[in-house]
Amino acid sequence: MLLTTPPIAPKTLQTLQQLGIHTLQDLQQLGAAQTFLLLKAAGQTVTRSTLWQLAALIEGSAPQDLSEHCKQQLLQSIRRHPPVAVFPSESDMEYFMRHALAAAAKAAESGEVPVGSVIVHQNRIIATAYNRCIQDCNISHHAEIMALTQAGQTLQNYRLEDCDIYITLEPCAMCAGALIQARVRRVVYGAPESKTGAAGSVTNLFANTILNKHTAVKGGVLADESRNLLQQFFQNKRRSNPAGYTSD
């Protein structure tokens, strides 16, 4: 069923459509809290009445029928919700991720685990990096850390509040912590990392309400390309050293 006005206010409906939320099913999949935060992130002026309206639509009732308990639960959901942002178009995200993949390929050529990263500021790449742990004899030199260093030097600021980072692989806890501390606006990653991923696979530091909440996360952009690059790298390593090589 398409969302309409009424009951949704015209400006709110227009913003929902711009966000790709066209039907009641779209709204139900996202939930009232996330949709409310998306509207806010898109610059829409939203009030509690907007939240009640969204929840009522999902439940098939009227806003005045929502209980006080239900309203308090919704407000708690807003407070506990991980950061939400409006992400670039799929084509734009793929464009920047391909640059990160090119950096990852350079890592593989150097014998490093192929993970690449780029940082984007005002739609322009200001940092490109890849894993250099082996070359630099430094376990902290993951692609994300190297990119954060470059971007900070470029902008002459260790806080990167207006920046997005594109990473071919889900960040680990070390890198996720650094991204949060740098206040990066949006993290876009490719393949999930089942062993060390700190954006949802093993843990989700970005959703931890104890930490500063500045960074929204989106995974799965060109995930197959990233995964294939990693798999090919490890297969080559095993062929060259079948007796002694492990990926740990």
C-alpha atoms as a PDB file:
ATOM      1  CA  MET A   1       0.000   0.000   0.000  1.00  0.00           C
ATOM      2  CA  LEU A   2       1.405   3.388  -1.001  1.00  0.00           C
ATOM      3  CA  LEU A   3       1.950   6.041   1.638  1.00  0.00           C
ATOM      4  CA  THR A   4      -0.256   9.066   1.024  1.00  0.00           C
ATOM      5  CA  THR A   5      -1.203  12.483   2.302  1.00  0.00           C
ATOM      6  CA  PRO A   6      -3.303  12.499   4.359  1.00  0.00           C
ATOM      7  CA  PRO A   7      -2.507  11.122   6.869  1.00  0.00           C
ATOM      8  CA  ILE A   8       1.171  12.015   6.265  1.00  0.00           C
ATOM      9  CA  ALA A   9       1.992  15.704   5.920  1.00  0.00           C
ATOM     10  CA  PRO A  10       2.977  16.674   2.345  1.00  0.00           C
ATOM     11  CA  LYS A  11       6.576  17.709   3.162  1.00  0.00           C
ATOM     12  CA  THR A  12       7.129  14.578   5.230  1.00  0.00           C
ATOM     13  CA  LEU A  13       5.742  12.405   2.446  1.00  0.00           C
ATOM     14  CA  GLN A  14       8.009  14.106  -0.100  1.00  0.00           C
ATOM     15  CA  THR A  15      11.065  13.454   2.066  1.00  0.00           C
ATOM     16  CA  LEU A  16      10.052   9.838   2.615  1.00  0.00           C
ATOM     17  CA  GLN A  17       9.790   9.362  -1.143  1.00  0.00           C
ATOM     18  CA  GLN A  18      13.223  10.918  -1.634  1.00  0.00           C
ATOM     19  CA  LEU A  19      14.561   8.407   0.877  1.00  0.00           C
ATOM     20  CA  GLY A  20      13.029   5.543  -1.091  1.00  0.00           C
ATOM     21  CA  ILE A  21      10.242   4.910   1.426  1.00  0.00           C
ATOM     22  CA  HIS A  22       7.145   4.671  -0.744  1.00  0.00           C
ATOM     23  CA  THR A  23       4.937   1.981   0.763  1.00  0.00           C
ATOM     24  CA  LEU A  24       3.647   0.829   4.121  1.00  0.00           C
ATOM     25  CA  GLN A  25       5.827  -2.257   3.706  1.00  0.00           C
ATOM     26  CA  ASP A  26       8.916  -0.035   3.325  1.00  0.00           C
ATOM     27  CA  LEU A  27       7.934   1.741   6.526  1.00  0.00           C
ATOM     28  CA  GLN A  28       7.320  -1.508   8.392  1.00  0.00           C
ATOM     29  CA  GLN A  29      10.706  -2.892   7.374  1.00  0.00           C
ATOM     30  CA  LEU A  30      12.532   0.160   8.708  1.00  0.00           C
ATOM     31  CA  GLY A  31      10.406   0.737  11.784  1.00  0.00           C
ATOM     32  CA  ALA A  32       9.145   3.988  13.211  1.00  0.00           C
ATOM     33  CA  ALA A  33      12.338   4.903  15.099  1.00  0.00           C
ATOM     34  CA  GLN A  34      14.722   4.471  12.173  1.00  0.00           C
ATOM     35  CA  THR A  35      12.372   6.225   9.752  1.00  0.00           C
ATOM     36  CA  PHE A  36      12.004   9.144  12.177  1.00  0.00           C
ATOM     37  CA  LEU A  37      15.806   9.434  12.471  1.00  0.00           C
ATOM     38  CA  LEU A  38      16.194   9.231   8.683  1.00  0.00           C
ATOM     39  CA  LEU A  39      13.751  12.111   8.266  1.00  0.00           C
ATOM     40  CA  LYS A  40      15.759  14.105  10.792  1.00  0.00           C
ATOM     41  CA  ALA A  41      19.037  13.240   9.042  1.00  0.00           C
ATOM     42  CA  ALA A  42      17.519  14.403   5.749  1.00  0.00           C
ATOM     43  CA  GLY A  43      16.867  17.846   7.235  1.00  0.00           C
ATOM     44  CA  GLN A  44      13.171  17.413   7.827  1.00  0.00           C
ATOM     45  CA  THR A  45      11.740  19.187  10.851  1.00  0.00           C
ATOM     46  CA  VAL A  46      10.244  16.377  12.894  1.00  0.00           C
ATOM     47  CA  THR A  47       8.478  16.346  16.240  1.00  0.00           C
ATOM     48  CA  ARG A  48       7.165  13.661  18.513  1.00  0.00           C
ATOM     49  CA  SER A  49       3.847  13.829  16.703  1.00  0.00           C
ATOM     50  CA  THR A  50       5.670  12.692  13.552  1.00  0.00           C
ATOM     51  CA  LEU A  51       6.984   9.683  15.474  1.00  0.00           C
ATOM     52  CA  TRP A  52       3.501   8.866  16.776  1.00  0.00           C
ATOM     53  CA  GLN A  53       2.117   9.124  13.218  1.00  0.00           C
ATOM     54  CA  LEU A  54       4.728   6.716  11.848  1.00  0.00           C
ATOM     55  CA  ALA A  55       4.136   4.204  14.628  1.00  0.00           C
ATOM     56  CA  ALA A  56       0.378   4.398  14.200  1.00  0.00           C
ATOM     57  CA  LEU A  57       0.664   3.760  10.458  1.00  0.00           C
ATOM     58  CA  ILE A  58       2.752   0.659  11.118  1.00  0.00           C
ATOM     59  CA  GLU A  59       0.228  -0.619  13.674  1.00  0.00           C
ATOM     60  CA  GLY A  60      -2.781   0.304  11.523  1.00  0.00           C
ATOM     61  CA  SER A  61      -4.208   2.600  14.153  1.00  0.00           C
ATOM     62  CA  ALA A  62      -4.572   6.315  14.854  1.00  0.00           C
ATOM     63  CA  PRO A  63      -1.906   8.354  16.717  1.00  0.00           C
ATOM     64  CA  GLN A  64      -4.361   9.171  19.509  1.00  0.00           C
ATOM     65  CA  ASP A  65      -4.801   5.449  20.136  1.00  0.00           C
ATOM     66  CA  LEU A  66      -1.137   4.921  21.062  1.00  0.00           C
ATOM     67  CA  SER A  67      -0.716   4.226  24.762  1.00  0.00           C
ATOM     68  CA  GLU A  68       1.619   6.250  26.938  1.00  0.00           C
ATOM     69  CA  HIS A  69       3.687   3.084  27.445  1.00  0.00           C
ATOM     70  CA  CYS A  70       4.058   2.675  23.684  1.00  0.00           C
ATOM     71  CA  LYS A  71       5.132   6.301  23.310  1.00  0.00           C
ATOM     72  CA  GLN A  72       7.776   5.939  26.023  1.00  0.00           C
ATOM     73  CA  GLN A  73       9.107   2.795  24.326  1.00  0.00           C
ATOM     74  CA  LEU A  74       9.395   4.686  21.058  1.00  0.00           C
ATOM     75  CA  LEU A  75      11.345   7.497  22.736  1.00  0.00           C
ATOM     76  CA  GLN A  76      13.642   4.933  24.344  1.00  0.00           C
ATOM     77  CA  SER A  77      14.204   3.375  20.904  1.00  0.00           C
ATOM     78  CA  ILE A  78      15.226   6.773  19.555  1.00  0.00           C
ATOM     79  CA  ARG A  79      17.700   7.284  22.387  1.00  0.00           C
ATOM     80  CA  ARG A  80      19.203   3.801  22.034  1.00  0.00           C
ATOM     81  CA  HIS A  81      19.256   3.716  18.232  1.00  0.00           C
ATOM     82  CA  PRO A  82      22.631   3.568  16.425  1.00  0.00           C
ATOM     83  CA  PRO A  83      23.550   6.654  14.385  1.00  0.00           C
ATOM     84  CA  VAL A  84      21.487   7.098  11.228  1.00  0.00           C
ATOM     85  CA  ALA A  85      22.508   8.975   8.089  1.00  0.00           C
ATOM     86  CA  VAL A  86      21.295   9.444   4.547  1.00  0.00           C
ATOM     87  CA  PHE A  87      23.894   7.686   2.432  1.00  0.00           C
ATOM     88  CA  PRO A  88      24.945   8.629  -1.118  1.00  0.00           C
ATOM     89  CA  SER A  89      23.364   6.930  -4.106  1.00  0.00           C
ATOM     90  CA  GLU A  90      24.386   3.358  -4.861  1.00  0.00           C
ATOM     91  CA  SER A  91      26.299   4.476  -7.947  1.00  0.00           C
ATOM     92  CA  ASP A  92      28.251   7.086  -5.976  1.00  0.00           C
ATOM     93  CA  MET A  93      29.122   4.592  -3.247  1.00  0.00           C
ATOM     94  CA  GLU A  94      30.271   2.056  -5.831  1.00  0.00           C
ATOM     95  CA  TYR A  95      32.422   4.703  -7.512  1.00  0.00           C
ATOM     96  CA  PHE A  96      34.349   5.439  -4.332  1.00  0.00           C
ATOM     97  CA  MET A  97      34.481   1.773  -3.319  1.00  0.00           C
ATOM     98  CA  ARG A  98      36.161   0.925  -6.630  1.00  0.00           C
ATOM     99  CA  HIS A  99      38.939   3.329  -5.681  1.00  0.00           C
ATOM    100  CA  ALA A 100      39.254   1.495  -2.369  1.00  0.00           C
ATOM    101  CA  LEU A 101      39.379  -1.823  -4.241  1.00  0.00           C
ATOM    102  CA  ALA A 102      42.175  -0.498  -6.446  1.00  0.00           C
ATOM    103  CA  ALA A 103      44.117   0.370  -3.280  1.00  0.00           C
ATOM    104  CA  ALA A 104      43.437  -3.127  -1.907  1.00  0.00           C
ATOM    105  CA  ALA A 105      44.862  -4.643  -5.088  1.00  0.00           C
ATOM    106  CA  LYS A 106      48.076  -2.698  -4.474  1.00  0.00           C
ATOM    107  CA  ALA A 107      48.231  -4.195  -0.994  1.00  0.00           C
ATOM    108  CA  ALA A 108      48.023  -7.685  -2.498  1.00  0.00           C
ATOM    109  CA  GLU A 109      50.846  -6.870  -4.911  1.00  0.00           C
ATOM    110  CA  SER A 110      52.964  -5.899  -1.899  1.00  0.00           C
ATOM    111  CA  GLY A 111      52.169  -9.129  -0.051  1.00  0.00           C
ATOM    112  CA  GLU A 112      49.801  -7.437   2.375  1.00  0.00           C
ATOM    113  CA  VAL A 113      46.277  -8.619   3.151  1.00  0.00           C
ATOM    114  CA  PRO A 114      44.283  -6.801   0.448  1.00  0.00           C
ATOM    115  CA  VAL A 115      42.225  -4.205   2.270  1.00  0.00           C
ATOM    116  CA  GLY A 116      41.953  -0.696   0.853  1.00  0.00           C
ATOM    117  CA  SER A 117      40.326   2.499   1.982  1.00  0.00           C
ATOM    118  CA  VAL A 118      39.552   5.997   0.743  1.00  0.00           C
ATOM    119  CA  ILE A 119      38.286   9.026   2.632  1.00  0.00           C
ATOM    120  CA  VAL A 120      35.944  11.446   0.888  1.00  0.00           C
ATOM    121  CA  HIS A 121      35.432  15.094   1.843  1.00  0.00           C
ATOM    122  CA  GLN A 122      32.921  17.223  -0.052  1.00  0.00           C
ATOM    123  CA  ASN A 123      32.654  14.563  -2.747  1.00  0.00           C
ATOM    124  CA  ARG A 124      36.440  14.505  -3.286  1.00  0.00           C
ATOM    125  CA  ILE A 125      38.896  11.778  -2.320  1.00  0.00           C
ATOM    126  CA  ILE A 126      41.431  13.256   0.095  1.00  0.00           C
ATOM    127  CA  ALA A 127      43.111  10.033   1.280  1.00  0.00           C
ATOM    128  CA  THR A 128      43.834   6.644  -0.267  1.00  0.00           C
ATOM    129  CA  ALA A 129      45.502   3.874   1.702  1.00  0.00           C
ATOM    130  CA  TYR A 130      45.924   0.138   2.082  1.00  0.00           C
ATOM    131  CA  ASN A 131      47.259  -2.309   4.657  1.00  0.00           C
ATOM    132  CA  ARG A 132      50.956  -1.812   5.420  1.00  0.00           C
ATOM    133  CA  CYS A 133      51.366  -3.886   8.597  1.00  0.00           C
ATOM    134  CA  ILE A 134      54.032  -6.202   7.133  1.00  0.00           C
ATOM    135  CA  GLN A 135      55.971  -3.528   5.259  1.00  0.00           C
ATOM    136  CA  ASP A 136      56.030  -1.162   8.227  1.00  0.00           C
ATOM    137  CA  CYS A 137      56.364  -3.847  10.937  1.00  0.00           C
ATOM    138  CA  ASN A 138      53.435  -2.142  12.648  1.00  0.00           C
ATOM    139  CA  ILE A 139      50.234  -3.999  13.490  1.00  0.00           C
ATOM    140  CA  SER A 140      48.303  -0.721  13.692  1.00  0.00           C
ATOM    141  CA  HIS A 141      48.905   0.149  10.042  1.00  0.00           C
ATOM    142  CA  HIS A 142      45.568  -1.053   8.752  1.00  0.00           C
ATOM    143  CA  ALA A 143      44.102   0.690   5.708  1.00  0.00           C
ATOM    144  CA  GLU A 144      41.684   2.719   7.834  1.00  0.00           C
ATOM    145  CA  ILE A 145      44.363   4.012  10.204  1.00  0.00           C
ATOM    146  CA  MET A 146      46.607   4.990   7.324  1.00  0.00           C
ATOM    147  CA  ALA A 147      43.736   6.788   5.582  1.00  0.00           C
ATOM    148  CA  LEU A 148      42.745   8.638   8.761  1.00  0.00           C
ATOM    149  CA  THR A 149      46.324   9.851   9.131  1.00  0.00           C
ATOM    150  CA  GLN A 150      46.427  11.149   5.551  1.00  0.00           C
ATOM    151  CA  ALA A 151      43.050  12.845   5.814  1.00  0.00           C
ATOM    152  CA  GLY A 152      43.937  14.503   9.102  1.00  0.00           C
ATOM    153  CA  GLN A 153      47.117  15.908   7.591  1.00  0.00           C
ATOM    154  CA  THR A 154      45.245  17.117   4.510  1.00  0.00           C
ATOM    155  CA  LEU A 155      42.548  18.901   6.513  1.00  0.00           C
ATOM    156  CA  GLN A 156      44.874  19.818   9.384  1.00  0.00           C
ATOM    157  CA  ASN A 157      42.342  18.416  11.811  1.00  0.00           C
ATOM    158  CA  TYR A 158      42.194  15.061  13.579  1.00  0.00           C
ATOM    159  CA  ARG A 159      38.413  15.284  13.666  1.00  0.00           C
ATOM    160  CA  LEU A 160      36.865  14.338  10.348  1.00  0.00           C
ATOM    161  CA  GLU A 161      33.218  15.170  11.010  1.00  0.00           C
ATOM    162  CA  ASP A 162      32.407  16.014   7.388  1.00  0.00           C
ATOM    163  CA  CYS A 163      34.151  12.972   5.924  1.00  0.00           C
ATOM    164  CA  ASP A 164      33.062   9.549   4.729  1.00  0.00           C
ATOM    165  CA  ILE A 165      35.298   6.501   4.603  1.00  0.00           C
ATOM    166  CA  TYR A 166      35.019   3.606   2.155  1.00  0.00           C
ATOM    167  CA  ILE A 167      36.682   0.351   3.220  1.00  0.00           C
ATOM    168  CA  THR A 168      36.742  -2.890   1.276  1.00  0.00           C
ATOM    169  CA  LEU A 169      36.388  -4.968   4.468  1.00  0.00           C
ATOM    170  CA  GLU A 170      34.384  -4.467   7.658  1.00  0.00           C
ATOM    171  CA  PRO A 171      36.615  -2.665  10.174  1.00  0.00           C
ATOM    172  CA  CYS A 172      38.068  -4.407  13.227  1.00  0.00           C
ATOM    173  CA  ALA A 173      37.661  -3.084  16.779  1.00  0.00           C
ATOM    174  CA  MET A 174      40.884  -1.056  16.592  1.00  0.00           C
ATOM    175  CA  CYS A 175      39.831   0.686  13.390  1.00  0.00           C
ATOM    176  CA  ALA A 176      36.204   1.094  14.434  1.00  0.00           C
ATOM    177  CA  GLY A 177      37.377   2.815  17.612  1.00  0.00           C
ATOM    178  CA  ALA A 178      39.614   5.152  15.625  1.00  0.00           C
ATOM    179  CA  LEU A 179      36.797   5.998  13.213  1.00  0.00           C
ATOM    180  CA  ILE A 180      34.484   6.811  16.110  1.00  0.00           C
ATOM    181  CA  GLN A 181      37.139   8.945  17.795  1.00  0.00           C
ATOM    182  CA  ALA A 182      37.741  10.801  14.526  1.00  0.00           C
ATOM    183  CA  ARG A 183      33.990  11.416  14.292  1.00  0.00           C
ATOM    184  CA  VAL A 184      33.850  10.216  10.707  1.00  0.00           C
ATOM    185  CA  ARG A 185      30.337  10.908   9.445  1.00  0.00           C
ATOM    186  CA  ARG A 186      29.655   7.727   7.473  1.00  0.00           C
ATOM    187  CA  VAL A 187      31.426   4.382   7.115  1.00  0.00           C
ATOM    188  CA  VAL A 188      30.757   2.352   3.988  1.00  0.00           C
ATOM    189  CA  TYR A 189      32.362  -1.080   3.781  1.00  0.00           C
ATOM    190  CA  GLY A 190      32.366  -3.957   1.344  1.00  0.00           C
ATOM    191  CA  ALA A 191      32.613  -7.501   2.665  1.00  0.00           C
ATOM    192  CA  PRO A 192      31.760  -8.520   6.237  1.00  0.00           C
ATOM    193  CA  GLU A 193      34.557  -9.918   8.424  1.00  0.00           C
ATOM    194  CA  SER A 194      33.264 -12.898  10.394  1.00  0.00           C
ATOM    195  CA  LYS A 195      36.331 -13.185  12.661  1.00  0.00           C
ATOM    196  CA  THR A 196      37.018  -9.607  13.717  1.00  0.00           C
ATOM    197  CA  GLY A 197      34.281  -7.376  12.277  1.00  0.00           C
ATOM    198  CA  ALA A 198      33.299  -4.615  14.702  1.00  0.00           C
ATOM    199  CA  ALA A 199      30.434  -3.157  12.661  1.00  0.00           C
ATOM    200  CA  GLY A 200      28.008  -5.987  13.310  1.00  0.00           C
ATOM    201  CA  SER A 201      29.644  -9.321  12.494  1.00  0.00           C
ATOM    202  CA  VAL A 202      31.338 -10.007  15.851  1.00  0.00           C
ATOM    203  CA  THR A 203      30.375  -6.863  17.730  1.00  0.00           C
ATOM    204  CA  ASN A 204      29.074  -3.429  16.780  1.00  0.00           C
ATOM    205  CA  LEU A 205      31.025  -0.621  18.380  1.00  0.00           C
ATOM    206  CA  PHE A 206      29.180   1.945  16.267  1.00  0.00           C
ATOM    207  CA  ALA A 207      25.915   0.952  17.968  1.00  0.00           C
ATOM    208  CA  ASN A 208      27.340   0.978  21.497  1.00  0.00           C
ATOM    209  CA  THR A 209      25.456   3.715  23.339  1.00  0.00           C
ATOM    210  CA  ILE A 210      28.269   4.069  25.901  1.00  0.00           C
ATOM    211  CA  LEU A 211      30.573   5.406  23.178  1.00  0.00           C
ATOM    212  CA  ASN A 212      30.257   8.685  21.282  1.00  0.00           C
ATOM    213  CA  LYS A 213      27.559   8.328  18.637  1.00  0.00           C
ATOM    214  CA  HIS A 214      28.740  10.138  15.541  1.00  0.00           C
ATOM    215  CA  THR A 215      29.212   7.531  12.847  1.00  0.00           C
ATOM    216  CA  ALA A 216      26.609   5.774  10.708  1.00  0.00           C
ATOM    217  CA  VAL A 217      27.527   2.518   8.973  1.00  0.00           C
ATOM    218  CA  LYS A 218      26.490   0.754   5.783  1.00  0.00           C
ATOM    219  CA  GLY A 219      27.934  -2.552   4.600  1.00  0.00           C
ATOM    220  CA  GLY A 220      27.707  -4.721   1.510  1.00  0.00           C
ATOM    221  CA  VAL A 221      28.803  -2.246  -1.181  1.00  0.00           C
ATOM    222  CA  LEU A 222      30.685  -4.253  -3.845  1.00  0.00           C
ATOM    223  CA  ALA A 223      31.025  -6.994  -1.249  1.00  0.00           C
ATOM    224  CA  ASP A 224      31.610  -9.748  -3.825  1.00  0.00           C
ATOM    225  CA  GLU A 225      34.532  -7.891  -5.400  1.00  0.00           C
ATOM    226  CA  SER A 226      36.149  -7.390  -2.011  1.00  0.00           C
ATOM    227  CA  ARG A 227      35.558 -10.981  -0.962  1.00  0.00           C
ATOM    228  CA  ASN A 228      36.944 -12.347  -4.227  1.00  0.00           C
ATOM    229  CA  LEU A 229      40.100 -10.270  -3.875  1.00  0.00           C
ATOM    230  CA  LEU A 230      40.688 -11.611  -0.368  1.00  0.00           C
ATOM    231  CA  GLN A 231      39.951 -15.210  -1.329  1.00  0.00           C
ATOM    232  CA  GLN A 232      42.308 -15.066  -4.309  1.00  0.00           C
ATOM    233  CA  PHE A 233      45.057 -13.607  -2.129  1.00  0.00           C
ATOM    234  CA  PHE A 234      44.791 -16.363   0.481  1.00  0.00           C
ATOM    235  CA  GLN A 235      44.542 -19.074  -2.167  1.00  0.00           C
ATOM    236  CA  ASN A 236      47.773 -17.821  -3.738  1.00  0.00           C
ATOM    237  CA  LYS A 237      49.452 -17.764  -0.326  1.00  0.00           C
ATOM    238  CA  ARG A 238      48.412 -21.334   0.395  1.00  0.00           C
ATOM    239  CA  ARG A 239      49.655 -22.531  -2.995  1.00  0.00           C
ATOM    240  CA  SER A 240      53.029 -20.881  -2.462  1.00  0.00           C
ATOM    241  CA  ASN A 241      53.373 -22.273   1.083  1.00  0.00           C
ATOM    242  CA  PRO A 242      50.952 -25.201   1.467  1.00  0.00           C
ATOM    243  CA  ALA A 243      52.599 -26.629   4.598  1.00  0.00           C
ATOM    244  CA  GLY A 244      53.019 -23.580   6.766  1.00  0.00           C
ATOM    245  CA  TYR A 245      50.610 -20.833   5.792  1.00  0.00           C
ATOM    246  CA  THR A 246      47.522 -19.864   7.775  1.00  0.00           C
ATOM    247  CA  SER A 247      45.333 -16.790   7.408  1.00  0.00           C
ATOM    248  CA  ASP A 248      45.469 -15.930  11.141  1.00  0.00           C
END
